[in-house]
Amino acid sequence: MRHLIRNFLALGLLICCAGAASANFVYDFPGVPGSGLAANQTNPQSPNATFGDFGRVSITATPTADVFESDHWNNTAVFDPASAYAFFDITAASGYHLNLSGTITFDTSRGPGGPTKGRVQLFLNGSTTPYATKDWNPGPSLQNISFNFTPTTDADNVTSVEVRFYGWNGGDPLGTMLLDNVTTTMAIIPEPSTIVIGVLPIALMAWSALKRRRNSERH
């Protein structure tokens, strides 16, 4: 009987650990113009975490197909964190947190007169202070950028993420910069309370089986 109980508990832990899942979401912006709606991306959402729509602040969409291209970026030579950026966010479901792998990759280029300076910033749990920042120099040819940062862990308890893409120092308000294939990899981890909720019914089943066995042995 003790073996049966151990097996029940092991099964419960296995079921709960299965709630921890890897997620690899790609914004590939299908359509004309390229759509930033999360529901329109080629790959599906992962369970227990939601990738939000890819949006714009103070920049304007252009009609280019299958990419996220915008104009009216910050045209000055000074970086301004409050103006002209593209962004997306990720939100964990209740009872889960997000362990980011430490890399977000994306393709980018600029059109004539577009920004010659680019910056990507990562914000965690609603903080206004960036957790990580990377600068790059947008060019006329498509380039793949790897935004590397310290991976987040259980101790960070990350439940929400925002990623912003800035461009500035262009020569023309109508100069463009595009983004494509924005890829985020992470693990979606159940909180301890979620694991307890999952294991408790299995433990009760094991206790009930033990009680029935003892009652039968008495008779």
N, C-alpha and C. Protein backbone atom coordinates (compact mmCIF):
# COMPACT_ATOMS: atom_id res chain seq x y z
N MET A 1 0.82 -1.21 0.00
CA MET A 1 0.00 0.00 0.00
C MET A 1 0.86 1.26 0.00
N ARG A 2 1.96 1.23 0.75
CA ARG A 2 2.83 2.41 0.74
C ARG A 2 3.37 2.68 -0.66
N HIS A 3 3.66 1.59 -1.37
CA HIS A 3 4.11 1.78 -2.75
C HIS A 3 3.03 2.46 -3.58
N LEU A 4 1.78 2.08 -3.34
CA LEU A 4 0.67 2.69 -4.07
C LEU A 4 0.58 4.19 -3.78
N ILE A 5 0.75 4.53 -2.50
CA ILE A 5 0.69 5.95 -2.12
C ILE A 5 1.81 6.72 -2.80
N ARG A 6 3.03 6.15 -2.74
CA ARG A 6 4.16 6.83 -3.38
C ARG A 6 3.90 7.01 -4.88
N ASN A 7 3.29 6.01 -5.49
CA ASN A 7 3.01 6.10 -6.92
C ASN A 7 1.98 7.19 -7.21
N PHE A 8 0.96 7.29 -6.34
CA PHE A 8 -0.05 8.34 -6.50
C PHE A 8 0.59 9.72 -6.41
N LEU A 9 1.44 9.89 -5.39
CA LEU A 9 2.09 11.20 -5.20
C LEU A 9 3.05 11.52 -6.34
N ALA A 10 3.78 10.52 -6.79
CA ALA A 10 4.70 10.74 -7.92
C ALA A 10 3.92 11.15 -9.16
N LEU A 11 2.74 10.52 -9.35
CA LEU A 11 1.91 10.89 -10.50
C LEU A 11 1.43 12.33 -10.37
N GLY A 12 1.06 12.73 -9.15
CA GLY A 12 0.62 14.11 -8.95
C GLY A 12 1.70 15.11 -9.26
N LEU A 13 2.92 14.83 -8.78
CA LEU A 13 4.04 15.73 -9.06
C LEU A 13 4.33 15.79 -10.55
N LEU A 14 4.23 14.64 -11.20
CA LEU A 14 4.48 14.60 -12.64
C LEU A 14 3.47 15.44 -13.38
N ILE A 15 2.20 15.34 -12.99
CA ILE A 15 1.15 16.13 -13.65
C ILE A 15 1.39 17.62 -13.45
N CYS A 16 1.79 17.99 -12.22
CA CYS A 16 1.99 19.42 -11.95
C CYS A 16 3.23 19.95 -12.65
N CYS A 17 4.29 19.14 -12.68
CA CYS A 17 5.51 19.59 -13.35
C CYS A 17 5.28 19.73 -14.84
N ALA A 18 4.32 18.96 -15.35
CA ALA A 18 3.99 19.09 -16.77
C ALA A 18 3.41 20.45 -17.08
N GLY A 19 2.95 21.16 -16.01
CA GLY A 19 2.45 22.52 -16.21
C GLY A 19 3.55 23.50 -16.55
N ALA A 20 4.80 23.16 -16.26
CA ALA A 20 5.92 24.00 -16.67
C ALA A 20 6.22 23.71 -18.13
N ALA A 21 6.12 24.73 -18.96
CA ALA A 21 6.25 24.51 -20.40
C ALA A 21 7.17 25.55 -21.01
N SER A 22 7.84 25.16 -22.07
CA SER A 22 8.66 26.11 -22.84
C SER A 22 7.78 26.80 -23.87
N ALA A 23 8.07 28.05 -24.13
CA ALA A 23 7.32 28.82 -25.12
C ALA A 23 8.31 29.52 -26.05
N ASN A 24 8.01 29.48 -27.32
CA ASN A 24 8.82 30.15 -28.33
C ASN A 24 7.86 30.85 -29.28
N PHE A 25 7.64 32.14 -29.05
CA PHE A 25 6.65 32.89 -29.83
C PHE A 25 7.35 33.83 -30.80
N VAL A 26 6.86 33.86 -32.04
CA VAL A 26 7.45 34.68 -33.09
C VAL A 26 6.40 35.64 -33.66
N TYR A 27 6.71 36.92 -33.64
CA TYR A 27 5.90 37.89 -34.38
C TYR A 27 6.47 37.96 -35.80
N ASP A 28 5.71 37.43 -36.78
CA ASP A 28 6.18 37.47 -38.17
C ASP A 28 5.35 38.40 -39.04
N PHE A 29 4.37 39.07 -38.46
CA PHE A 29 3.65 40.18 -39.08
C PHE A 29 3.08 39.86 -40.46
N PRO A 30 2.24 38.84 -40.57
CA PRO A 30 1.68 38.53 -41.89
C PRO A 30 0.66 39.56 -42.34
N GLY A 31 0.51 39.71 -43.66
CA GLY A 31 -0.52 40.58 -44.21
C GLY A 31 0.02 41.84 -44.82
N VAL A 32 -0.91 42.65 -45.34
CA VAL A 32 -0.59 43.95 -45.96
C VAL A 32 -1.52 45.00 -45.37
N PRO A 33 -0.98 45.97 -44.58
CA PRO A 33 0.39 45.97 -44.06
C PRO A 33 0.59 44.84 -43.05
N GLY A 34 1.85 44.61 -42.68
CA GLY A 34 2.13 43.55 -41.72
C GLY A 34 1.35 43.75 -40.44
N SER A 35 0.65 42.72 -39.99
CA SER A 35 -0.21 42.82 -38.82
C SER A 35 0.58 42.58 -37.53
N GLY A 36 0.33 43.45 -36.54
CA GLY A 36 0.93 43.25 -35.23
C GLY A 36 0.01 42.54 -34.25
N LEU A 37 -1.21 42.19 -34.69
CA LEU A 37 -2.14 41.53 -33.79
C LEU A 37 -1.62 40.14 -33.43
N ALA A 38 -1.57 39.83 -32.15
CA ALA A 38 -1.04 38.54 -31.71
C ALA A 38 -1.83 37.39 -32.33
N ALA A 39 -3.14 37.56 -32.48
CA ALA A 39 -3.98 36.51 -33.03
C ALA A 39 -3.69 36.23 -34.50
N ASN A 40 -3.05 37.17 -35.19
CA ASN A 40 -2.76 37.00 -36.61
C ASN A 40 -1.40 36.38 -36.89
N GLN A 41 -0.59 36.17 -35.86
CA GLN A 41 0.74 35.63 -36.10
C GLN A 41 0.64 34.15 -36.49
N THR A 42 1.64 33.67 -37.18
CA THR A 42 1.59 32.31 -37.73
C THR A 42 1.56 31.25 -36.64
N ASN A 43 2.31 31.48 -35.55
CA ASN A 43 2.36 30.48 -34.47
C ASN A 43 1.30 30.78 -33.41
N PRO A 44 0.80 29.73 -32.72
CA PRO A 44 -0.23 29.94 -31.71
C PRO A 44 0.34 30.41 -30.38
N GLN A 45 -0.54 30.94 -29.55
CA GLN A 45 -0.16 31.29 -28.18
C GLN A 45 0.15 30.03 -27.38
N SER A 46 0.98 30.19 -26.35
CA SER A 46 1.27 29.09 -25.44
C SER A 46 0.28 29.11 -24.27
N PRO A 47 -0.04 27.94 -23.70
CA PRO A 47 -0.89 27.92 -22.52
C PRO A 47 -0.24 28.67 -21.36
N ASN A 48 -1.06 29.35 -20.57
CA ASN A 48 -0.67 29.99 -19.31
C ASN A 48 0.22 31.21 -19.47
N ALA A 49 0.32 31.75 -20.68
CA ALA A 49 0.97 33.05 -20.90
C ALA A 49 0.39 33.66 -22.17
N THR A 50 0.25 34.98 -22.18
CA THR A 50 -0.35 35.67 -23.32
C THR A 50 0.60 36.70 -23.88
N PHE A 51 0.95 36.57 -25.15
CA PHE A 51 1.69 37.60 -25.86
C PHE A 51 0.68 38.62 -26.40
N GLY A 52 0.91 39.89 -26.08
CA GLY A 52 -0.01 40.94 -26.50
C GLY A 52 0.23 41.37 -27.94
N ASP A 53 -0.64 42.24 -28.42
CA ASP A 53 -0.48 42.79 -29.77
C ASP A 53 0.79 43.64 -29.84
N PHE A 54 1.45 43.60 -30.97
CA PHE A 54 2.61 44.45 -31.22
C PHE A 54 2.06 45.84 -31.57
N GLY A 55 2.47 46.85 -30.79
CA GLY A 55 1.85 48.17 -30.95
C GLY A 55 2.84 49.28 -31.26
N ARG A 56 2.28 50.47 -31.42
CA ARG A 56 3.07 51.67 -31.75
C ARG A 56 2.70 52.81 -30.81
N VAL A 57 3.71 53.60 -30.44
CA VAL A 57 3.51 54.85 -29.71
C VAL A 57 4.17 55.96 -30.49
N SER A 58 3.37 56.89 -31.00
CA SER A 58 3.85 58.10 -31.71
C SER A 58 4.62 57.77 -32.99
N ILE A 59 4.42 56.60 -33.56
CA ILE A 59 4.94 56.27 -34.88
C ILE A 59 3.78 55.77 -35.72
N THR A 60 3.96 55.75 -37.04
CA THR A 60 2.86 55.49 -37.97
C THR A 60 3.16 54.29 -38.85
N ALA A 61 2.16 53.45 -39.05
CA ALA A 61 2.33 52.27 -39.89
C ALA A 61 2.50 52.65 -41.35
N THR A 62 3.33 51.90 -42.07
CA THR A 62 3.45 52.01 -43.52
C THR A 62 2.80 50.77 -44.14
N PRO A 63 2.50 50.78 -45.45
CA PRO A 63 1.74 49.67 -46.05
C PRO A 63 2.58 48.47 -46.49
N THR A 64 3.81 48.35 -46.00
CA THR A 64 4.68 47.26 -46.42
C THR A 64 4.15 45.91 -45.91
N ALA A 65 4.22 44.90 -46.76
CA ALA A 65 3.68 43.58 -46.43
C ALA A 65 4.65 42.78 -45.57
N ASP A 66 4.08 42.02 -44.63
CA ASP A 66 4.77 40.95 -43.89
C ASP A 66 5.92 41.43 -43.01
N VAL A 67 5.95 42.71 -42.68
CA VAL A 67 6.91 43.24 -41.71
C VAL A 67 6.19 44.31 -40.89
N PHE A 68 6.80 44.72 -39.78
CA PHE A 68 6.24 45.78 -38.95
C PHE A 68 7.06 47.04 -39.22
N GLU A 69 6.66 47.78 -40.24
CA GLU A 69 7.41 48.96 -40.66
C GLU A 69 6.65 50.22 -40.24
N SER A 70 7.42 51.22 -39.81
CA SER A 70 6.83 52.46 -39.31
C SER A 70 7.68 53.65 -39.73
N ASP A 71 7.02 54.81 -39.79
CA ASP A 71 7.74 56.07 -39.97
C ASP A 71 7.37 57.01 -38.82
N HIS A 72 7.85 58.27 -38.92
CA HIS A 72 7.67 59.27 -37.86
C HIS A 72 8.34 58.84 -36.55
N TRP A 73 9.54 58.25 -36.67
CA TRP A 73 10.35 57.99 -35.48
C TRP A 73 10.91 59.30 -34.95
N ASN A 74 11.51 59.26 -33.78
CA ASN A 74 12.18 60.42 -33.21
C ASN A 74 13.28 60.87 -34.17
N ASN A 75 13.13 62.07 -34.73
CA ASN A 75 14.04 62.54 -35.77
C ASN A 75 15.21 63.34 -35.21
N THR A 76 15.25 63.49 -33.87
CA THR A 76 16.33 64.27 -33.28
C THR A 76 17.54 63.38 -33.01
N ALA A 77 18.62 64.01 -32.57
CA ALA A 77 19.85 63.27 -32.26
C ALA A 77 19.89 62.81 -30.81
N VAL A 78 18.80 63.03 -30.06
CA VAL A 78 18.76 62.73 -28.63
C VAL A 78 17.74 61.63 -28.37
N PHE A 79 18.15 60.59 -27.67
CA PHE A 79 17.22 59.52 -27.29
C PHE A 79 16.19 60.05 -26.32
N ASP A 80 14.92 59.71 -26.58
CA ASP A 80 13.82 60.13 -25.72
C ASP A 80 12.99 58.89 -25.37
N PRO A 81 13.06 58.42 -24.11
CA PRO A 81 12.37 57.18 -23.76
C PRO A 81 10.85 57.28 -23.78
N ALA A 82 10.33 58.53 -23.85
CA ALA A 82 8.88 58.71 -23.79
C ALA A 82 8.24 58.82 -25.18
N SER A 83 9.05 58.82 -26.23
CA SER A 83 8.46 59.07 -27.54
C SER A 83 8.89 58.03 -28.56
N ALA A 84 8.01 57.77 -29.53
CA ALA A 84 8.33 57.07 -30.76
C ALA A 84 8.96 55.70 -30.54
N TYR A 85 8.12 54.71 -30.22
CA TYR A 85 8.64 53.35 -30.09
C TYR A 85 7.56 52.33 -30.46
N ALA A 86 8.03 51.14 -30.80
CA ALA A 86 7.16 49.98 -30.97
C ALA A 86 7.32 49.10 -29.74
N PHE A 87 6.33 48.26 -29.46
CA PHE A 87 6.39 47.47 -28.23
C PHE A 87 5.52 46.23 -28.33
N PHE A 88 5.81 45.27 -27.45
CA PHE A 88 4.90 44.16 -27.17
C PHE A 88 5.02 43.79 -25.71
N ASP A 89 4.05 43.05 -25.21
CA ASP A 89 4.10 42.63 -23.81
C ASP A 89 3.72 41.16 -23.69
N ILE A 90 4.07 40.59 -22.55
CA ILE A 90 3.75 39.20 -22.22
C ILE A 90 3.20 39.20 -20.80
N THR A 91 2.12 38.46 -20.59
CA THR A 91 1.51 38.37 -19.26
C THR A 91 1.31 36.91 -18.89
N ALA A 92 1.81 36.53 -17.72
CA ALA A 92 1.60 35.17 -17.23
C ALA A 92 0.19 35.01 -16.70
N ALA A 93 -0.37 33.81 -16.87
CA ALA A 93 -1.66 33.51 -16.26
C ALA A 93 -1.52 33.47 -14.74
N SER A 94 -2.64 33.65 -14.05
CA SER A 94 -2.63 33.59 -12.59
C SER A 94 -2.07 32.25 -12.13
N GLY A 95 -1.13 32.31 -11.18
CA GLY A 95 -0.52 31.09 -10.66
C GLY A 95 0.72 30.65 -11.41
N TYR A 96 1.21 31.48 -12.34
CA TYR A 96 2.39 31.14 -13.14
C TYR A 96 3.32 32.35 -13.19
N HIS A 97 4.62 32.09 -13.48
CA HIS A 97 5.56 33.16 -13.76
C HIS A 97 6.41 32.78 -14.97
N LEU A 98 7.19 33.76 -15.45
CA LEU A 98 7.91 33.63 -16.72
C LEU A 98 9.42 33.64 -16.47
N ASN A 99 10.09 32.59 -16.89
CA ASN A 99 11.55 32.55 -16.85
C ASN A 99 12.08 32.77 -18.27
N LEU A 100 12.47 34.00 -18.54
CA LEU A 100 12.97 34.35 -19.88
C LEU A 100 14.33 33.71 -20.12
N SER A 101 14.56 33.25 -21.33
CA SER A 101 15.78 32.48 -21.64
C SER A 101 17.04 33.34 -21.64
N GLY A 102 16.88 34.64 -21.84
CA GLY A 102 18.05 35.52 -21.90
C GLY A 102 18.37 36.01 -23.29
N THR A 103 17.52 35.70 -24.27
CA THR A 103 17.74 36.17 -25.63
C THR A 103 16.41 36.48 -26.32
N ILE A 104 16.31 37.65 -26.90
CA ILE A 104 15.22 38.00 -27.82
C ILE A 104 15.89 38.39 -29.14
N THR A 105 15.48 37.79 -30.23
CA THR A 105 16.08 38.09 -31.52
C THR A 105 15.06 38.76 -32.44
N PHE A 106 15.57 39.55 -33.38
CA PHE A 106 14.69 40.20 -34.34
C PHE A 106 15.49 40.64 -35.57
N ASP A 107 14.79 40.78 -36.68
CA ASP A 107 15.37 41.33 -37.91
C ASP A 107 14.96 42.78 -38.02
N THR A 108 15.85 43.61 -38.57
CA THR A 108 15.56 45.03 -38.67
C THR A 108 16.36 45.67 -39.81
N SER A 109 15.81 46.74 -40.35
CA SER A 109 16.54 47.58 -41.31
C SER A 109 15.85 48.94 -41.34
N ARG A 110 16.49 49.90 -41.97
CA ARG A 110 15.89 51.24 -42.10
C ARG A 110 15.80 51.62 -43.56
N GLY A 111 14.83 52.47 -43.86
CA GLY A 111 14.72 53.03 -45.19
C GLY A 111 15.49 54.34 -45.30
N PRO A 112 15.52 54.96 -46.49
CA PRO A 112 16.20 56.25 -46.65
C PRO A 112 15.65 57.28 -45.67
N GLY A 113 16.54 57.95 -44.96
CA GLY A 113 16.13 58.96 -43.99
C GLY A 113 15.61 58.40 -42.69
N GLY A 114 15.66 57.07 -42.55
CA GLY A 114 15.17 56.45 -41.31
C GLY A 114 16.17 56.54 -40.18
N PRO A 115 15.81 56.07 -39.00
CA PRO A 115 16.69 56.18 -37.82
C PRO A 115 18.04 55.52 -38.05
N THR A 116 19.08 56.18 -37.59
CA THR A 116 20.42 55.59 -37.65
C THR A 116 20.85 55.04 -36.29
N LYS A 117 19.99 55.26 -35.27
CA LYS A 117 20.22 54.72 -33.94
C LYS A 117 19.00 53.91 -33.52
N GLY A 118 19.27 52.74 -32.93
CA GLY A 118 18.19 51.91 -32.43
C GLY A 118 18.49 51.44 -31.03
N ARG A 119 17.43 51.19 -30.29
CA ARG A 119 17.59 50.69 -28.92
C ARG A 119 16.40 49.79 -28.59
N VAL A 120 16.68 48.67 -27.92
CA VAL A 120 15.63 47.80 -27.41
C VAL A 120 15.80 47.71 -25.90
N GLN A 121 14.67 47.80 -25.19
CA GLN A 121 14.70 47.76 -23.73
C GLN A 121 13.67 46.76 -23.22
N LEU A 122 14.03 46.10 -22.11
CA LEU A 122 13.19 45.09 -21.48
C LEU A 122 12.78 45.59 -20.10
N PHE A 123 11.46 45.54 -19.83
CA PHE A 123 10.91 45.97 -18.54
C PHE A 123 10.16 44.80 -17.92
N LEU A 124 10.32 44.64 -16.59
CA LEU A 124 9.71 43.51 -15.89
C LEU A 124 8.74 44.00 -14.82
N ASN A 125 7.61 43.32 -14.72
CA ASN A 125 6.63 43.54 -13.64
C ASN A 125 6.22 45.00 -13.48
N GLY A 126 6.07 45.70 -14.60
CA GLY A 126 5.57 47.07 -14.57
C GLY A 126 6.59 48.12 -14.17
N SER A 127 7.84 47.74 -13.99
CA SER A 127 8.87 48.70 -13.61
C SER A 127 9.11 49.69 -14.75
N THR A 128 9.43 50.93 -14.39
CA THR A 128 9.79 51.94 -15.38
C THR A 128 11.31 51.99 -15.61
N THR A 129 12.05 51.19 -14.85
CA THR A 129 13.50 51.08 -15.03
C THR A 129 13.80 49.86 -15.87
N PRO A 130 14.53 50.00 -16.97
CA PRO A 130 14.80 48.84 -17.81
C PRO A 130 15.61 47.78 -17.08
N TYR A 131 15.22 46.53 -17.25
CA TYR A 131 15.99 45.40 -16.73
C TYR A 131 17.23 45.19 -17.60
N ALA A 132 17.09 45.46 -18.90
CA ALA A 132 18.21 45.28 -19.85
C ALA A 132 18.00 46.20 -21.04
N THR A 133 19.11 46.59 -21.67
CA THR A 133 19.09 47.50 -22.82
C THR A 133 20.14 47.07 -23.83
N LYS A 134 19.82 47.22 -25.11
CA LYS A 134 20.81 46.98 -26.17
C LYS A 134 20.64 48.05 -27.24
N ASP A 135 21.76 48.65 -27.67
CA ASP A 135 21.77 49.59 -28.77
C ASP A 135 22.28 48.92 -30.04
N TRP A 136 21.80 49.36 -31.17
CA TRP A 136 22.32 48.92 -32.46
C TRP A 136 22.20 50.05 -33.46
N ASN A 137 22.89 49.91 -34.57
CA ASN A 137 22.85 50.92 -35.63
C ASN A 137 22.09 50.38 -36.83
N PRO A 138 20.83 50.77 -37.02
CA PRO A 138 20.07 50.26 -38.16
C PRO A 138 20.74 50.63 -39.48
N GLY A 139 20.74 49.69 -40.41
CA GLY A 139 21.32 49.92 -41.72
C GLY A 139 20.30 49.66 -42.81
N PRO A 140 20.66 49.92 -44.06
CA PRO A 140 19.73 49.73 -45.17
C PRO A 140 19.47 48.25 -45.50
N SER A 141 20.36 47.38 -45.08
CA SER A 141 20.18 45.95 -45.32
C SER A 141 19.63 45.28 -44.06
N LEU A 142 18.82 44.25 -44.26
CA LEU A 142 18.23 43.53 -43.14
C LEU A 142 19.32 42.87 -42.31
N GLN A 143 19.29 43.09 -41.01
CA GLN A 143 20.25 42.47 -40.10
C GLN A 143 19.51 41.80 -38.96
N ASN A 144 20.08 40.71 -38.46
CA ASN A 144 19.50 40.00 -37.33
C ASN A 144 20.20 40.45 -36.05
N ILE A 145 19.41 40.88 -35.08
CA ILE A 145 19.93 41.39 -33.82
C ILE A 145 19.58 40.41 -32.71
N SER A 146 20.58 40.09 -31.88
CA SER A 146 20.36 39.27 -30.69
C SER A 146 20.44 40.17 -29.46
N PHE A 147 19.33 40.29 -28.77
CA PHE A 147 19.26 41.06 -27.54
C PHE A 147 19.48 40.09 -26.38
N ASN A 148 20.70 40.09 -25.85
CA ASN A 148 21.08 39.15 -24.80
C ASN A 148 21.04 39.83 -23.43
N PHE A 149 20.54 39.12 -22.46
CA PHE A 149 20.43 39.66 -21.10
C PHE A 149 20.48 38.51 -20.11
N THR A 150 20.58 38.85 -18.84
CA THR A 150 20.61 37.82 -17.79
C THR A 150 19.25 37.13 -17.73
N PRO A 151 19.22 35.80 -17.90
CA PRO A 151 17.93 35.11 -17.84
C PRO A 151 17.21 35.37 -16.51
N THR A 152 15.90 35.40 -16.55
CA THR A 152 15.14 35.53 -15.31
C THR A 152 14.88 34.14 -14.73
N THR A 153 14.77 34.07 -13.40
CA THR A 153 14.64 32.80 -12.70
C THR A 153 13.41 32.82 -11.80
N ASP A 154 13.18 31.71 -11.12
CA ASP A 154 12.05 31.63 -10.19
C ASP A 154 12.12 32.75 -9.16
N ALA A 155 13.33 33.08 -8.71
CA ALA A 155 13.49 34.10 -7.67
C ALA A 155 13.03 35.48 -8.14
N ASP A 156 13.07 35.73 -9.44
CA ASP A 156 12.63 37.03 -9.98
C ASP A 156 11.11 37.15 -10.01
N ASN A 157 10.41 36.02 -10.06
CA ASN A 157 8.94 35.99 -10.07
C ASN A 157 8.37 36.97 -11.09
N VAL A 158 8.79 36.81 -12.33
CA VAL A 158 8.34 37.71 -13.40
C VAL A 158 6.96 37.28 -13.88
N THR A 159 6.00 38.16 -13.75
CA THR A 159 4.64 37.86 -14.21
C THR A 159 4.21 38.72 -15.40
N SER A 160 4.95 39.80 -15.67
CA SER A 160 4.65 40.61 -16.85
C SER A 160 5.94 41.18 -17.44
N VAL A 161 5.95 41.29 -18.75
CA VAL A 161 7.13 41.74 -19.50
C VAL A 161 6.67 42.76 -20.54
N GLU A 162 7.46 43.80 -20.72
CA GLU A 162 7.26 44.72 -21.85
C GLU A 162 8.60 44.90 -22.56
N VAL A 163 8.57 44.85 -23.88
CA VAL A 163 9.76 45.06 -24.70
C VAL A 163 9.49 46.24 -25.62
N ARG A 164 10.40 47.23 -25.63
CA ARG A 164 10.24 48.43 -26.46
C ARG A 164 11.38 48.54 -27.45
N PHE A 165 11.05 49.01 -28.65
CA PHE A 165 12.02 49.22 -29.72
C PHE A 165 11.98 50.69 -30.12
N TYR A 166 13.12 51.37 -29.95
CA TYR A 166 13.23 52.79 -30.25
C TYR A 166 14.08 53.02 -31.50
N GLY A 167 13.79 54.11 -32.21
CA GLY A 167 14.65 54.56 -33.30
C GLY A 167 14.75 56.07 -33.26
N TRP A 168 15.94 56.60 -33.50
CA TRP A 168 16.10 58.05 -33.51
C TRP A 168 17.29 58.42 -34.40
N ASN A 169 17.51 59.75 -34.52
CA ASN A 169 18.63 60.28 -35.31
C ASN A 169 18.47 60.00 -36.81
N GLY A 170 17.24 60.15 -37.30
CA GLY A 170 17.00 60.01 -38.74
C GLY A 170 17.09 61.36 -39.44
N GLY A 171 16.96 61.32 -40.75
CA GLY A 171 17.07 62.56 -41.51
C GLY A 171 15.76 63.03 -42.10
N ASP A 172 14.68 62.23 -41.93
CA ASP A 172 13.42 62.54 -42.59
C ASP A 172 12.29 61.98 -41.74
N PRO A 173 11.28 62.81 -41.40
CA PRO A 173 10.16 62.27 -40.61
C PRO A 173 9.48 61.07 -41.27
N LEU A 174 9.54 61.00 -42.59
CA LEU A 174 8.93 59.88 -43.30
C LEU A 174 9.91 58.72 -43.50
N GLY A 175 11.12 58.85 -42.96
CA GLY A 175 12.07 57.74 -43.01
C GLY A 175 11.57 56.58 -42.15
N THR A 176 11.79 55.38 -42.63
CA THR A 176 11.19 54.21 -41.97
C THR A 176 12.23 53.34 -41.28
N MET A 177 11.74 52.54 -40.35
CA MET A 177 12.50 51.42 -39.78
C MET A 177 11.52 50.27 -39.61
N LEU A 178 11.98 49.06 -39.92
CA LEU A 178 11.10 47.90 -39.83
C LEU A 178 11.64 46.87 -38.85
N LEU A 179 10.73 46.05 -38.34
CA LEU A 179 11.04 44.91 -37.48
C LEU A 179 10.36 43.67 -38.06
N ASP A 180 11.00 42.52 -37.89
CA ASP A 180 10.41 41.28 -38.37
C ASP A 180 10.96 40.11 -37.56
N ASN A 181 10.20 39.02 -37.52
CA ASN A 181 10.63 37.78 -36.85
C ASN A 181 11.13 38.03 -35.43
N VAL A 182 10.34 38.77 -34.67
CA VAL A 182 10.70 39.06 -33.27
C VAL A 182 10.38 37.81 -32.44
N THR A 183 11.43 37.21 -31.88
CA THR A 183 11.31 35.88 -31.27
C THR A 183 11.70 35.92 -29.80
N THR A 184 10.82 35.40 -28.96
CA THR A 184 11.06 35.31 -27.52
C THR A 184 10.94 33.86 -27.08
N THR A 185 11.93 33.41 -26.31
CA THR A 185 11.91 32.06 -25.76
C THR A 185 11.91 32.14 -24.24
N MET A 186 11.06 31.33 -23.61
CA MET A 186 10.96 31.38 -22.15
C MET A 186 10.35 30.08 -21.65
N ALA A 187 10.37 29.91 -20.33
CA ALA A 187 9.66 28.82 -19.67
C ALA A 187 8.53 29.42 -18.85
N ILE A 188 7.39 28.76 -18.86
CA ILE A 188 6.21 29.20 -18.10
C ILE A 188 6.09 28.26 -16.90
N ILE A 189 6.28 28.79 -15.70
CA ILE A 189 6.47 27.98 -14.50
C ILE A 189 5.28 28.14 -13.55
N PRO A 190 4.70 27.02 -13.08
CA PRO A 190 3.63 27.13 -12.08
C PRO A 190 4.18 27.56 -10.73
N GLU A 191 3.42 28.39 -10.03
CA GLU A 191 3.80 28.79 -8.68
C GLU A 191 3.62 27.61 -7.71
N PRO A 192 4.31 27.64 -6.56
CA PRO A 192 4.15 26.55 -5.58
C PRO A 192 2.69 26.29 -5.20
N SER A 193 1.90 27.37 -5.07
CA SER A 193 0.49 27.18 -4.70
C SER A 193 -0.26 26.40 -5.77
N THR A 194 0.10 26.63 -7.04
CA THR A 194 -0.53 25.90 -8.12
C THR A 194 -0.16 24.42 -8.06
N ILE A 195 1.09 24.13 -7.71
CA ILE A 195 1.53 22.74 -7.58
C ILE A 195 0.79 22.05 -6.44
N VAL A 196 0.62 22.76 -5.30
CA VAL A 196 -0.10 22.18 -4.17
C VAL A 196 -1.53 21.85 -4.56
N ILE A 197 -2.18 22.76 -5.27
CA ILE A 197 -3.56 22.53 -5.70
C ILE A 197 -3.63 21.30 -6.60
N GLY A 198 -2.59 21.09 -7.42
CA GLY A 198 -2.58 19.94 -8.31
C GLY A 198 -2.31 18.64 -7.58
N VAL A 199 -1.43 18.68 -6.57
CA VAL A 199 -1.04 17.47 -5.85
C VAL A 199 -2.08 17.07 -4.81
N LEU A 200 -2.77 18.06 -4.22
CA LEU A 200 -3.69 17.77 -3.12
C LEU A 200 -4.74 16.72 -3.46
N PRO A 201 -5.43 16.81 -4.61
CA PRO A 201 -6.42 15.76 -4.91
C PRO A 201 -5.80 14.37 -5.01
N ILE A 202 -4.55 14.29 -5.54
CA ILE A 202 -3.88 13.00 -5.63
C ILE A 202 -3.56 12.47 -4.24
N ALA A 203 -3.12 13.36 -3.35
CA ALA A 203 -2.83 12.95 -1.98
C ALA A 203 -4.09 12.47 -1.27
N LEU A 204 -5.21 13.16 -1.50
CA LEU A 204 -6.48 12.74 -0.89
C LEU A 204 -6.91 11.38 -1.41
N MET A 205 -6.68 11.13 -2.69
CA MET A 205 -7.00 9.82 -3.25
C MET A 205 -6.17 8.74 -2.58
N ALA A 206 -4.88 9.03 -2.38
CA ALA A 206 -4.00 8.05 -1.74
C ALA A 206 -4.43 7.80 -0.30
N TRP A 207 -4.77 8.86 0.43
CA TRP A 207 -5.22 8.71 1.82
C TRP A 207 -6.51 7.93 1.89
N SER A 208 -7.45 8.19 0.96
CA SER A 208 -8.72 7.47 0.93
C SER A 208 -8.50 5.99 0.65
N ALA A 209 -7.56 5.69 -0.28
CA ALA A 209 -7.27 4.29 -0.59
C ALA A 209 -6.67 3.58 0.61
N LEU A 210 -5.78 4.28 1.34
CA LEU A 210 -5.18 3.70 2.54
C LEU A 210 -6.23 3.44 3.62
N LYS A 211 -7.16 4.39 3.78
CA LYS A 211 -8.20 4.24 4.78
C LYS A 211 -9.10 3.05 4.47
N ARG A 212 -9.44 2.89 3.18
CA ARG A 212 -10.28 1.76 2.80
C ARG A 212 -9.55 0.44 3.05
N ARG A 213 -8.26 0.43 2.74
CA ARG A 213 -7.48 -0.80 2.94
C ARG A 213 -7.43 -1.18 4.42
N ARG A 214 -7.21 -0.20 5.29
CA ARG A 214 -7.15 -0.49 6.73
C ARG A 214 -8.50 -0.96 7.25
N ASN A 215 -9.58 -0.35 6.78
CA ASN A 215 -10.91 -0.76 7.21
C ASN A 215 -11.20 -2.20 6.79
N SER A 216 -10.76 -2.56 5.56
CA SER A 216 -10.99 -3.93 5.08
C SER A 216 -10.18 -4.94 5.86
N GLU A 217 -8.99 -4.54 6.34
CA GLU A 217 -8.15 -5.46 7.09
C GLU A 217 -8.71 -5.72 8.48
N ARG A 218 -9.50 -4.76 9.00
CA ARG A 218 -10.09 -4.93 10.33
C ARG A 218 -11.26 -5.91 10.31
N HIS A 219 -11.88 -6.06 9.15
CA HIS A 219 -13.08 -6.88 9.07
C HIS A 219 -12.76 -8.27 8.58
